[in-house]
Amino acid sequence: MWTVAPPFPTKSSKYKNRRVKLDGYTFDSQAEANRYAELKLLERAGKITRLLLQPLYSFQINNKVIFTYFADFQYMNEHGNMVIEDVKGVRTPLYKLKKKIIEARYDIKITEVDA
């Protein structure tokens, strides 16, 4: 069941996204919740496995965490390859920089899904 999560009183969304609840999870946008629903269907059909929400990747220098990147989803596709996805409506300069650093640090490719 889809529900709109109550607004967080401390901060409104910069890009006017509305948080959405689905299956007990709160998503930052309707597009992210829709992608989750699609991935759950693919998982049930056996096309993907090991679906994770909000996998964390941190970047450290001299054992100090400089920043943490949270992707939206991570899963194994039917070919056995790990896929990291981020649902994006706006690609800010900070996001682009973090994406490049994390891809280089972990030797991964972050797939962007348009919102």
PDB file of N, CA and C in Angstrom:
ATOM      1  N   MET A   1       0.831  -1.185   0.000  1.00  0.00           N
ATOM      2  CA  MET A   1       0.000   0.000   0.000  1.00  0.00           C
ATOM      3  C   MET A   1       0.875   1.248   0.000  1.00  0.00           C
ATOM      4  N   TRP A   2       0.523   2.211  -0.803  1.00  0.00           N
ATOM      5  CA  TRP A   2       1.262   3.468  -0.906  1.00  0.00           C
ATOM      6  C   TRP A   2       0.679   4.477   0.066  1.00  0.00           C
ATOM      7  N   THR A   3       1.520   5.164   0.771  1.00  0.00           N
ATOM      8  CA  THR A   3       1.083   6.283   1.592  1.00  0.00           C
ATOM      9  C   THR A   3       2.125   7.377   1.501  1.00  0.00           C
ATOM     10  N   VAL A   4       1.703   8.585   1.659  1.00  0.00           N
ATOM     11  CA  VAL A   4       2.640   9.696   1.688  1.00  0.00           C
ATOM     12  C   VAL A   4       3.072   9.870   3.128  1.00  0.00           C
ATOM     13  N   ALA A   5       4.371   9.857   3.344  1.00  0.00           N
ATOM     14  CA  ALA A   5       4.897   9.991   4.697  1.00  0.00           C
ATOM     15  C   ALA A   5       4.647  11.403   5.202  1.00  0.00           C
ATOM     16  N   PRO A   6       4.452  11.548   6.513  1.00  0.00           N
ATOM     17  CA  PRO A   6       4.249  12.889   7.041  1.00  0.00           C
ATOM     18  C   PRO A   6       5.487  13.735   6.809  1.00  0.00           C
ATOM     19  N   PRO A   7       5.307  15.014   6.571  1.00  0.00           N
ATOM     20  CA  PRO A   7       6.470  15.866   6.329  1.00  0.00           C
ATOM     21  C   PRO A   7       7.355  15.938   7.566  1.00  0.00           C
ATOM     22  N   PHE A   8       8.638  16.028   7.344  1.00  0.00           N
ATOM     23  CA  PHE A   8       9.581  16.187   8.435  1.00  0.00           C
ATOM     24  C   PHE A   8       9.596  17.666   8.810  1.00  0.00           C
ATOM     25  N   PRO A   9       9.327  18.003  10.058  1.00  0.00           N
ATOM     26  CA  PRO A   9       9.166  19.403  10.428  1.00  0.00           C
ATOM     27  C   PRO A   9      10.448  20.225  10.348  1.00  0.00           C
ATOM     28  N   THR A  10      11.614  19.564  10.383  1.00  0.00           N
ATOM     29  CA  THR A  10      12.858  20.319  10.440  1.00  0.00           C
ATOM     30  C   THR A  10      13.319  20.848   9.094  1.00  0.00           C
ATOM     31  N   LYS A  11      12.958  20.167   7.999  1.00  0.00           N
ATOM     32  CA  LYS A  11      13.510  20.573   6.713  1.00  0.00           C
ATOM     33  C   LYS A  11      12.578  20.153   5.585  1.00  0.00           C
ATOM     34  N   SER A  12      12.301  21.061   4.656  1.00  0.00           N
ATOM     35  CA  SER A  12      11.503  20.691   3.492  1.00  0.00           C
ATOM     36  C   SER A  12      12.452  20.310   2.359  1.00  0.00           C
ATOM     37  N   SER A  13      11.941  19.560   1.403  1.00  0.00           N
ATOM     38  CA  SER A  13      12.748  19.096   0.293  1.00  0.00           C
ATOM     39  C   SER A  13      13.105  20.253  -0.634  1.00  0.00           C
ATOM     40  N   LYS A  14      14.372  20.302  -0.966  1.00  0.00           N
ATOM     41  CA  LYS A  14      14.857  21.360  -1.845  1.00  0.00           C
ATOM     42  C   LYS A  14      14.220  21.277  -3.235  1.00  0.00           C
ATOM     43  N   TYR A  15      13.945  20.046  -3.690  1.00  0.00           N
ATOM     44  CA  TYR A  15      13.420  19.850  -5.037  1.00  0.00           C
ATOM     45  C   TYR A  15      11.941  19.495  -5.037  1.00  0.00           C
ATOM     46  N   LYS A  16      11.271  19.755  -3.924  1.00  0.00           N
ATOM     47  CA  LYS A  16       9.818  19.569  -3.781  1.00  0.00           C
ATOM     48  C   LYS A  16       9.384  18.103  -3.897  1.00  0.00           C
ATOM     49  N   ASN A  17      10.311  17.185  -3.601  1.00  0.00           N
ATOM     50  CA  ASN A  17       9.929  15.772  -3.559  1.00  0.00           C
ATOM     51  C   ASN A  17       9.096  15.532  -2.317  1.00  0.00           C
ATOM     52  N   ARG A  18       8.189  14.579  -2.416  1.00  0.00           N
ATOM     53  CA  ARG A  18       7.395  14.181  -1.258  1.00  0.00           C
ATOM     54  C   ARG A  18       7.806  12.779  -0.875  1.00  0.00           C
ATOM     55  N   ARG A  19       8.101  12.595   0.394  1.00  0.00           N
ATOM     56  CA  ARG A  19       8.470  11.265   0.884  1.00  0.00           C
ATOM     57  C   ARG A  19       7.270  10.341   0.760  1.00  0.00           C
ATOM     58  N   VAL A  20       7.556   9.093   0.397  1.00  0.00           N
ATOM     59  CA  VAL A  20       6.512   8.098   0.167  1.00  0.00           C
ATOM     60  C   VAL A  20       6.861   6.839   0.947  1.00  0.00           C
ATOM     61  N   LYS A  21       5.856   6.246   1.587  1.00  0.00           N
ATOM     62  CA  LYS A  21       6.056   4.986   2.302  1.00  0.00           C
ATOM     63  C   LYS A  21       5.511   3.837   1.466  1.00  0.00           C
ATOM     64  N   LEU A  22       6.297   2.736   1.443  1.00  0.00           N
ATOM     65  CA  LEU A  22       5.884   1.537   0.730  1.00  0.00           C
ATOM     66  C   LEU A  22       6.558   0.350   1.402  1.00  0.00           C
ATOM     67  N   ASP A  23       5.789  -0.664   1.740  1.00  0.00           N
ATOM     68  CA  ASP A  23       6.310  -1.877   2.379  1.00  0.00           C
ATOM     69  C   ASP A  23       7.095  -1.580   3.656  1.00  0.00           C
ATOM     70  N   GLY A  24       6.718  -0.532   4.367  1.00  0.00           N
ATOM     71  CA  GLY A  24       7.403  -0.204   5.612  1.00  0.00           C
ATOM     72  C   GLY A  24       8.663   0.631   5.442  1.00  0.00           C
ATOM     73  N   TYR A  25       9.019   0.956   4.205  1.00  0.00           N
ATOM     74  CA  TYR A  25      10.190   1.793   3.925  1.00  0.00           C
ATOM     75  C   TYR A  25       9.727   3.189   3.553  1.00  0.00           C
ATOM     76  N   THR A  26      10.531   4.189   3.866  1.00  0.00           N
ATOM     77  CA  THR A  26      10.248   5.555   3.460  1.00  0.00           C
ATOM     78  C   THR A  26      11.234   5.943   2.371  1.00  0.00           C
ATOM     79  N   PHE A  27      10.698   6.363   1.237  1.00  0.00           N
ATOM     80  CA  PHE A  27      11.514   6.756   0.092  1.00  0.00           C
ATOM     81  C   PHE A  27      11.481   8.264  -0.062  1.00  0.00           C
ATOM     82  N   ASP A  28      12.569   8.823  -0.582  1.00  0.00           N
ATOM     83  CA  ASP A  28      12.671  10.277  -0.736  1.00  0.00           C
ATOM     84  C   ASP A  28      11.769  10.838  -1.826  1.00  0.00           C
ATOM     85  N   SER A  29      11.292   9.984  -2.729  1.00  0.00           N
ATOM     86  CA  SER A  29      10.448  10.474  -3.816  1.00  0.00           C
ATOM     87  C   SER A  29       9.535   9.362  -4.323  1.00  0.00           C
ATOM     88  N   GLN A  30       8.523   9.752  -5.062  1.00  0.00           N
ATOM     89  CA  GLN A  30       7.624   8.785  -5.691  1.00  0.00           C
ATOM     90  C   GLN A  30       8.386   7.960  -6.719  1.00  0.00           C
ATOM     91  N   ALA A  31       9.315   8.597  -7.444  1.00  0.00           N
ATOM     92  CA  ALA A  31      10.096   7.880  -8.457  1.00  0.00           C
ATOM     93  C   ALA A  31      10.929   6.772  -7.817  1.00  0.00           C
ATOM     94  N   GLU A  32      11.517   7.049  -6.669  1.00  0.00           N
ATOM     95  CA  GLU A  32      12.315   6.036  -5.973  1.00  0.00           C
ATOM     96  C   GLU A  32      11.424   4.883  -5.487  1.00  0.00           C
ATOM     97  N   ALA A  33      10.250   5.199  -4.974  1.00  0.00           N
ATOM     98  CA  ALA A  33       9.307   4.166  -4.533  1.00  0.00           C
ATOM     99  C   ALA A  33       8.842   3.324  -5.726  1.00  0.00           C
ATOM    100  N   ASN A  34       8.598   3.970  -6.860  1.00  0.00           N
ATOM    101  CA  ASN A  34       8.191   3.237  -8.070  1.00  0.00           C
ATOM    102  C   ASN A  34       9.293   2.278  -8.524  1.00  0.00           C
ATOM    103  N   ARG A  35      10.536   2.736  -8.469  1.00  0.00           N
ATOM    104  CA  ARG A  35      11.656   1.879  -8.871  1.00  0.00           C
ATOM    105  C   ARG A  35      11.779   0.690  -7.926  1.00  0.00           C
ATOM    106  N   TYR A  36      11.581   0.934  -6.637  1.00  0.00           N
ATOM    107  CA  TYR A  36      11.600  -0.157  -5.657  1.00  0.00           C
ATOM    108  C   TYR A  36      10.539  -1.207  -6.002  1.00  0.00           C
ATOM    109  N   ALA A  37       9.335  -0.759  -6.339  1.00  0.00           N
ATOM    110  CA  ALA A  37       8.255  -1.679  -6.697  1.00  0.00           C
ATOM    111  C   ALA A  37       8.638  -2.503  -7.932  1.00  0.00           C
ATOM    112  N   GLU A  38       9.269  -1.868  -8.922  1.00  0.00           N
ATOM    113  CA  GLU A  38       9.723  -2.585 -10.117  1.00  0.00           C
ATOM    114  C   GLU A  38      10.770  -3.635  -9.755  1.00  0.00           C
ATOM    115  N   LEU A  39      11.729  -3.246  -8.905  1.00  0.00           N
ATOM    116  CA  LEU A  39      12.790  -4.172  -8.522  1.00  0.00           C
ATOM    117  C   LEU A  39      12.243  -5.351  -7.719  1.00  0.00           C
ATOM    118  N   LYS A  40      11.232  -5.105  -6.884  1.00  0.00           N
ATOM    119  CA  LYS A  40      10.615  -6.198  -6.133  1.00  0.00           C
ATOM    120  C   LYS A  40       9.955  -7.196  -7.084  1.00  0.00           C
ATOM    121  N   LEU A  41       9.317  -6.697  -8.140  1.00  0.00           N
ATOM    122  CA  LEU A  41       8.726  -7.588  -9.142  1.00  0.00           C
ATOM    123  C   LEU A  41       9.801  -8.407  -9.856  1.00  0.00           C
ATOM    124  N   LEU A  42      10.904  -7.761 -10.204  1.00  0.00           N
ATOM    125  CA  LEU A  42      12.009  -8.472 -10.857  1.00  0.00           C
ATOM    126  C   LEU A  42      12.604  -9.529  -9.930  1.00  0.00           C
ATOM    127  N   GLU A  43      12.662  -9.209  -8.644  1.00  0.00           N
ATOM    128  CA  GLU A  43      13.195 -10.163  -7.675  1.00  0.00           C
ATOM    129  C   GLU A  43      12.272 -11.383  -7.562  1.00  0.00           C
ATOM    130  N   ARG A  44      10.968 -11.137  -7.498  1.00  0.00           N
ATOM    131  CA  ARG A  44      10.000 -12.240  -7.431  1.00  0.00           C
ATOM    132  C   ARG A  44      10.025 -13.110  -8.682  1.00  0.00           C
ATOM    133  N   ALA A  45      10.332 -12.488  -9.826  1.00  0.00           N
ATOM    134  CA  ALA A  45      10.404 -13.224 -11.091  1.00  0.00           C
ATOM    135  C   ALA A  45      11.740 -13.949 -11.264  1.00  0.00           C
ATOM    136  N   GLY A  46      12.666 -13.735 -10.332  1.00  0.00           N
ATOM    137  CA  GLY A  46      13.966 -14.394 -10.404  1.00  0.00           C
ATOM    138  C   GLY A  46      14.961 -13.721 -11.329  1.00  0.00           C
ATOM    139  N   LYS A  47      14.647 -12.514 -11.787  1.00  0.00           N
ATOM    140  CA  LYS A  47      15.554 -11.784 -12.685  1.00  0.00           C
ATOM    141  C   LYS A  47      16.701 -11.115 -11.923  1.00  0.00           C
ATOM    142  N   ILE A  48      16.460 -10.756 -10.652  1.00  0.00           N
ATOM    143  CA  ILE A  48      17.500 -10.181  -9.803  1.00  0.00           C
ATOM    144  C   ILE A  48      17.453 -10.889  -8.450  1.00  0.00           C
ATOM    145  N   THR A  49      18.559 -10.774  -7.701  1.00  0.00           N
ATOM    146  CA  THR A  49      18.628 -11.340  -6.346  1.00  0.00           C
ATOM    147  C   THR A  49      19.351 -10.358  -5.435  1.00  0.00           C
ATOM    148  N   ARG A  50      19.269 -10.622  -4.154  1.00  0.00           N
ATOM    149  CA  ARG A  50      19.990  -9.861  -3.123  1.00  0.00           C
ATOM    150  C   ARG A  50      19.746  -8.352  -3.189  1.00  0.00           C
ATOM    151  N   LEU A  51      18.501  -7.972  -3.304  1.00  0.00           N
ATOM    152  CA  LEU A  51      18.143  -6.560  -3.358  1.00  0.00           C
ATOM    153  C   LEU A  51      18.399  -5.900  -2.007  1.00  0.00           C
ATOM    154  N   LEU A  52      19.182  -4.842  -2.014  1.00  0.00           N
ATOM    155  CA  LEU A  52      19.458  -4.042  -0.816  1.00  0.00           C
ATOM    156  C   LEU A  52      18.982  -2.621  -1.046  1.00  0.00           C
ATOM    157  N   LEU A  53      18.460  -2.006  -0.005  1.00  0.00           N
ATOM    158  CA  LEU A  53      18.067  -0.606  -0.059  1.00  0.00           C
ATOM    159  C   LEU A  53      19.094   0.217   0.702  1.00  0.00           C
ATOM    160  N   GLN A  54      19.425   1.362   0.155  1.00  0.00           N
ATOM    161  CA  GLN A  54      20.329   2.322   0.766  1.00  0.00           C
ATOM    162  C   GLN A  54      21.681   1.729   1.160  1.00  0.00           C
ATOM    163  N   PRO A  55      22.370   1.017   0.238  1.00  0.00           N
ATOM    164  CA  PRO A  55      23.713   0.539   0.581  1.00  0.00           C
ATOM    165  C   PRO A  55      24.645   1.723   0.797  1.00  0.00           C
ATOM    166  N   LEU A  56      25.526   1.590   1.752  1.00  0.00           N
ATOM    167  CA  LEU A  56      26.394   2.677   2.183  1.00  0.00           C
ATOM    168  C   LEU A  56      27.803   2.480   1.647  1.00  0.00           C
ATOM    169  N   TYR A  57      28.385   3.548   1.128  1.00  0.00           N
ATOM    170  CA  TYR A  57      29.768   3.562   0.682  1.00  0.00           C
ATOM    171  C   TYR A  57      30.429   4.778   1.312  1.00  0.00           C
ATOM    172  N   SER A  58      31.523   4.551   2.038  1.00  0.00           N
ATOM    173  CA  SER A  58      32.186   5.696   2.657  1.00  0.00           C
ATOM    174  C   SER A  58      33.543   5.919   2.004  1.00  0.00           C
ATOM    175  N   PHE A  59      33.966   7.154   2.010  1.00  0.00           N
ATOM    176  CA  PHE A  59      35.268   7.523   1.473  1.00  0.00           C
ATOM    177  C   PHE A  59      36.115   8.010   2.634  1.00  0.00           C
ATOM    178  N   GLN A  60      37.269   7.381   2.809  1.00  0.00           N
ATOM    179  CA  GLN A  60      38.137   7.705   3.928  1.00  0.00           C
ATOM    180  C   GLN A  60      39.531   8.081   3.450  1.00  0.00           C
ATOM    181  N   ILE A  61      40.156   8.965   4.190  1.00  0.00           N
ATOM    182  CA  ILE A  61      41.559   9.301   4.003  1.00  0.00           C
ATOM    183  C   ILE A  61      42.190   9.267   5.389  1.00  0.00           C
ATOM    184  N   ASN A  62      43.298   8.543   5.514  1.00  0.00           N
ATOM    185  CA  ASN A  62      43.988   8.392   6.799  1.00  0.00           C
ATOM    186  C   ASN A  62      43.025   7.949   7.899  1.00  0.00           C
ATOM    187  N   ASN A  63      42.185   6.982   7.574  1.00  0.00           N
ATOM    188  CA  ASN A  63      41.206   6.417   8.515  1.00  0.00           C
ATOM    189  C   ASN A  63      40.179   7.420   9.026  1.00  0.00           C
ATOM    190  N   LYS A  64      40.003   8.514   8.320  1.00  0.00           N
ATOM    191  CA  LYS A  64      38.968   9.487   8.668  1.00  0.00           C
ATOM    192  C   LYS A  64      37.928   9.509   7.552  1.00  0.00           C
ATOM    193  N   VAL A  65      36.670   9.382   7.947  1.00  0.00           N
ATOM    194  CA  VAL A  65      35.591   9.400   6.957  1.00  0.00           C
ATOM    195  C   VAL A  65      35.419  10.823   6.444  1.00  0.00           C
ATOM    196  N   ILE A  66      35.604  10.995   5.154  1.00  0.00           N
ATOM    197  CA  ILE A  66      35.451  12.311   4.527  1.00  0.00           C
ATOM    198  C   ILE A  66      33.988  12.535   4.157  1.00  0.00           C
ATOM    199  N   PHE A  67      33.359  11.519   3.576  1.00  0.00           N
ATOM    200  CA  PHE A  67      31.921  11.589   3.297  1.00  0.00           C
ATOM    201  C   PHE A  67      31.381  10.180   3.143  1.00  0.00           C
ATOM    202  N   THR A  68      30.072  10.081   3.220  1.00  0.00           N
ATOM    203  CA  THR A  68      29.377   8.812   3.051  1.00  0.00           C
ATOM    204  C   THR A  68      28.372   8.979   1.911  1.00  0.00           C
ATOM    205  N   TYR A  69      28.345   8.000   1.031  1.00  0.00           N
ATOM    206  CA  TYR A  69      27.417   8.011  -0.099  1.00  0.00           C
ATOM    207  C   TYR A  69      26.423   6.876   0.093  1.00  0.00           C
ATOM    208  N   PHE A  70      25.149   7.184   0.008  1.00  0.00           N
ATOM    209  CA  PHE A  70      24.095   6.190   0.078  1.00  0.00           C
ATOM    210  C   PHE A  70      23.483   6.056  -1.311  1.00  0.00           C
ATOM    211  N   ALA A  71      23.663   4.899  -1.921  1.00  0.00           N
ATOM    212  CA  ALA A  71      22.981   4.632  -3.190  1.00  0.00           C
ATOM    213  C   ALA A  71      21.528   4.306  -2.849  1.00  0.00           C
ATOM    214  N   ASP A  72      20.664   4.247  -3.830  1.00  0.00           N
ATOM    215  CA  ASP A  72      19.274   3.893  -3.570  1.00  0.00           C
ATOM    216  C   ASP A  72      19.093   2.381  -3.493  1.00  0.00           C
ATOM    217  N   PHE A  73      19.730   1.648  -4.424  1.00  0.00           N
ATOM    218  CA  PHE A  73      19.546   0.204  -4.484  1.00  0.00           C
ATOM    219  C   PHE A  73      20.834  -0.486  -4.913  1.00  0.00           C
ATOM    220  N   GLN A  74      20.951  -1.733  -4.483  1.00  0.00           N
ATOM    221  CA  GLN A  74      22.029  -2.600  -4.940  1.00  0.00           C
ATOM    222  C   GLN A  74      21.448  -3.993  -5.085  1.00  0.00           C
ATOM    223  N   TYR A  75      21.799  -4.693  -6.169  1.00  0.00           N
ATOM    224  CA  TYR A  75      21.301  -6.043  -6.391  1.00  0.00           C
ATOM    225  C   TYR A  75      22.207  -6.781  -7.363  1.00  0.00           C
ATOM    226  N   MET A  76      21.983  -8.080  -7.470  1.00  0.00           N
ATOM    227  CA  MET A  76      22.695  -8.905  -8.439  1.00  0.00           C
ATOM    228  C   MET A  76      21.749  -9.147  -9.615  1.00  0.00           C
ATOM    229  N   ASN A  77      22.226  -8.875 -10.828  1.00  0.00           N
ATOM    230  CA  ASN A  77      21.375  -9.105 -12.000  1.00  0.00           C
ATOM    231  C   ASN A  77      21.431 -10.573 -12.406  1.00  0.00           C
ATOM    232  N   GLU A  78      20.703 -10.929 -13.454  1.00  0.00           N
ATOM    233  CA  GLU A  78      20.609 -12.334 -13.851  1.00  0.00           C
ATOM    234  C   GLU A  78      21.918 -12.896 -14.405  1.00  0.00           C
ATOM    235  N   HIS A  79      22.880 -12.028 -14.695  1.00  0.00           N
ATOM    236  CA  HIS A  79      24.192 -12.464 -15.174  1.00  0.00           C
ATOM    237  C   HIS A  79      25.199 -12.582 -14.040  1.00  0.00           C
ATOM    238  N   GLY A  80      24.738 -12.321 -12.796  1.00  0.00           N
ATOM    239  CA  GLY A  80      25.619 -12.418 -11.631  1.00  0.00           C
ATOM    240  C   GLY A  80      26.447 -11.179 -11.372  1.00  0.00           C
ATOM    241  N   ASN A  81      26.114 -10.073 -12.033  1.00  0.00           N
ATOM    242  CA  ASN A  81      26.840  -8.819 -11.832  1.00  0.00           C
ATOM    243  C   ASN A  81      26.131  -7.957 -10.794  1.00  0.00           C
ATOM    244  N   MET A  82      26.923  -7.294  -9.950  1.00  0.00           N
ATOM    245  CA  MET A  82      26.348  -6.378  -8.975  1.00  0.00           C
ATOM    246  C   MET A  82      25.975  -5.074  -9.674  1.00  0.00           C
ATOM    247  N   VAL A  83      24.776  -4.582  -9.377  1.00  0.00           N
ATOM    248  CA  VAL A  83      24.288  -3.329  -9.944  1.00  0.00           C
ATOM    249  C   VAL A  83      24.004  -2.378  -8.794  1.00  0.00           C
ATOM    250  N   ILE A  84      24.527  -1.157  -8.896  1.00  0.00           N
ATOM    251  CA  ILE A  84      24.248  -0.109  -7.921  1.00  0.00           C
ATOM    252  C   ILE A  84      23.461   0.963  -8.654  1.00  0.00           C
ATOM    253  N   GLU A  85      22.287   1.307  -8.116  1.00  0.00           N
ATOM    254  CA  GLU A  85      21.411   2.274  -8.779  1.00  0.00           C
ATOM    255  C   GLU A  85      21.138   3.473  -7.899  1.00  0.00           C
ATOM    256  N   ASP A  86      20.983   4.599  -8.560  1.00  0.00           N
ATOM    257  CA  ASP A  86      20.566   5.820  -7.897  1.00  0.00           C
ATOM    258  C   ASP A  86      19.477   6.469  -8.754  1.00  0.00           C
ATOM    259  N   VAL A  87      18.313   6.696  -8.177  1.00  0.00           N
ATOM    260  CA  VAL A  87      17.211   7.354  -8.886  1.00  0.00           C
ATOM    261  C   VAL A  87      17.459   8.855  -8.778  1.00  0.00           C
ATOM    262  N   LYS A  88      17.586   9.514  -9.912  1.00  0.00           N
ATOM    263  CA  LYS A  88      17.952  10.931  -9.906  1.00  0.00           C
ATOM    264  C   LYS A  88      17.020  11.767 -10.757  1.00  0.00           C
ATOM    265  N   GLY A  89      16.592  12.865 -10.190  1.00  0.00           N
ATOM    266  CA  GLY A  89      15.865  13.877 -10.929  1.00  0.00           C
ATOM    267  C   GLY A  89      16.807  15.020 -11.253  1.00  0.00           C
ATOM    268  N   VAL A  90      17.600  15.414 -10.252  1.00  0.00           N
ATOM    269  CA  VAL A  90      18.559  16.508 -10.396  1.00  0.00           C
ATOM    270  C   VAL A  90      19.944  15.979 -10.043  1.00  0.00           C
ATOM    271  N   ARG A  91      20.884  16.213 -10.927  1.00  0.00           N
ATOM    272  CA  ARG A  91      22.269  15.784 -10.691  1.00  0.00           C
ATOM    273  C   ARG A  91      23.081  17.014 -10.303  1.00  0.00           C
ATOM    274  N   THR A  92      23.235  17.205  -9.011  1.00  0.00           N
ATOM    275  CA  THR A  92      23.952  18.375  -8.512  1.00  0.00           C
ATOM    276  C   THR A  92      25.453  18.199  -8.717  1.00  0.00           C
ATOM    277  N   PRO A  93      26.212  19.294  -8.713  1.00  0.00           N
ATOM    278  CA  PRO A  93      27.674  19.170  -8.809  1.00  0.00           C
ATOM    279  C   PRO A  93      28.259  18.315  -7.676  1.00  0.00           C
ATOM    280  N   LEU A  94      27.713  18.431  -6.470  1.00  0.00           N
ATOM    281  CA  LEU A  94      28.207  17.623  -5.359  1.00  0.00           C
ATOM    282  C   LEU A  94      27.936  16.142  -5.603  1.00  0.00           C
ATOM    283  N   TYR A  95      26.746  15.806  -6.080  1.00  0.00           N
ATOM    284  CA  TYR A  95      26.431  14.411  -6.396  1.00  0.00           C
ATOM    285  C   TYR A  95      27.393  13.882  -7.457  1.00  0.00           C
ATOM    286  N   LYS A  96      27.623  14.650  -8.516  1.00  0.00           N
ATOM    287  CA  LYS A  96      28.507  14.206  -9.593  1.00  0.00           C
ATOM    288  C   LYS A  96      29.914  13.922  -9.082  1.00  0.00           C
ATOM    289  N   LEU A  97      30.407  14.779  -8.196  1.00  0.00           N
ATOM    290  CA  LEU A  97      31.737  14.588  -7.620  1.00  0.00           C
ATOM    291  C   LEU A  97      31.783  13.339  -6.747  1.00  0.00           C
ATOM    292  N   LYS A  98      30.803  13.184  -5.866  1.00  0.00           N
ATOM    293  CA  LYS A  98      30.754  12.001  -4.999  1.00  0.00           C
ATOM    294  C   LYS A  98      30.671  10.720  -5.833  1.00  0.00           C
ATOM    295  N   LYS A  99      29.862  10.749  -6.886  1.00  0.00           N
ATOM    296  CA  LYS A  99      29.701   9.580  -7.749  1.00  0.00           C
ATOM    297  C   LYS A  99      31.043   9.184  -8.353  1.00  0.00           C
ATOM    298  N   LYS A 100      31.772  10.150  -8.892  1.00  0.00           N
ATOM    299  CA  LYS A 100      33.073   9.858  -9.500  1.00  0.00           C
ATOM    300  C   LYS A 100      34.057   9.290  -8.479  1.00  0.00           C
ATOM    301  N   ILE A 101      34.090   9.874  -7.302  1.00  0.00           N
ATOM    302  CA  ILE A 101      35.022   9.422  -6.266  1.00  0.00           C
ATOM    303  C   ILE A 101      34.683   8.003  -5.820  1.00  0.00           C
ATOM    304  N   ILE A 102      33.408   7.732  -5.556  1.00  0.00           N
ATOM    305  CA  ILE A 102      32.997   6.405  -5.093  1.00  0.00           C
ATOM    306  C   ILE A 102      33.221   5.360  -6.185  1.00  0.00           C
ATOM    307  N   GLU A 103      32.922   5.691  -7.424  1.00  0.00           N
ATOM    308  CA  GLU A 103      33.159   4.741  -8.517  1.00  0.00           C
ATOM    309  C   GLU A 103      34.646   4.399  -8.615  1.00  0.00           C
ATOM    310  N   ALA A 104      35.507   5.402  -8.475  1.00  0.00           N
ATOM    311  CA  ALA A 104      36.954   5.160  -8.550  1.00  0.00           C
ATOM    312  C   ALA A 104      37.449   4.380  -7.333  1.00  0.00           C
ATOM    313  N   ARG A 105      36.981   4.749  -6.156  1.00  0.00           N
ATOM    314  CA  ARG A 105      37.444   4.117  -4.914  1.00  0.00           C
ATOM    315  C   ARG A 105      37.056   2.639  -4.848  1.00  0.00           C
ATOM    316  N   TYR A 106      35.822   2.309  -5.214  1.00  0.00           N
ATOM    317  CA  TYR A 106      35.321   0.942  -5.096  1.00  0.00           C
ATOM    318  C   TYR A 106      35.366   0.164  -6.415  1.00  0.00           C
ATOM    319  N   ASP A 107      35.832   0.805  -7.478  1.00  0.00           N
ATOM    320  CA  ASP A 107      35.885   0.190  -8.804  1.00  0.00           C
ATOM    321  C   ASP A 107      34.516  -0.373  -9.185  1.00  0.00           C
ATOM    322  N   ILE A 108      33.512   0.502  -9.110  1.00  0.00           N
ATOM    323  CA  ILE A 108      32.130   0.144  -9.429  1.00  0.00           C
ATOM    324  C   ILE A 108      31.570   1.142 -10.423  1.00  0.00           C
ATOM    325  N   LYS A 109      30.410   0.825 -10.957  1.00  0.00           N
ATOM    326  CA  LYS A 109      29.681   1.736 -11.845  1.00  0.00           C
ATOM    327  C   LYS A 109      28.324   1.980 -11.209  1.00  0.00           C
ATOM    328  N   ILE A 110      27.982   3.237 -10.970  1.00  0.00           N
ATOM    329  CA  ILE A 110      26.678   3.598 -10.425  1.00  0.00           C
ATOM    330  C   ILE A 110      25.748   3.914 -11.588  1.00  0.00           C
ATOM    331  N   THR A 111      24.666   3.167 -11.685  1.00  0.00           N
ATOM    332  CA  THR A 111      23.692   3.355 -12.752  1.00  0.00           C
ATOM    333  C   THR A 111      22.655   4.384 -12.287  1.00  0.00           C
ATOM    334  N   GLU A 112      22.442   5.402 -13.095  1.00  0.00           N
ATOM    335  CA  GLU A 112      21.458   6.424 -12.773  1.00  0.00           C
ATOM    336  C   GLU A 112      20.146   6.107 -13.485  1.00  0.00           C
ATOM    337  N   VAL A 113      19.086   6.144 -12.713  1.00  0.00           N
ATOM    338  CA  VAL A 113      17.743   5.933 -13.242  1.00  0.00           C
ATOM    339  C   VAL A 113      17.035   7.271 -13.183  1.00  0.00           C
ATOM    340  N   ASP A 114      16.546   7.756 -14.313  1.00  0.00           N
ATOM    341  CA  ASP A 114      15.869   9.058 -14.344  1.00  0.00           C
ATOM    342  C   ASP A 114      14.547   9.009 -13.589  1.00  0.00           C
ATOM    343  N   ALA A 115      14.326  10.057 -12.814  1.00  0.00           N
ATOM    344  CA  ALA A 115      13.088  10.165 -12.041  1.00  0.00           C
ATOM    345  C   ALA A 115      11.951  10.576 -12.927  1.00  0.00           C
TER     346      ALA A 115
END
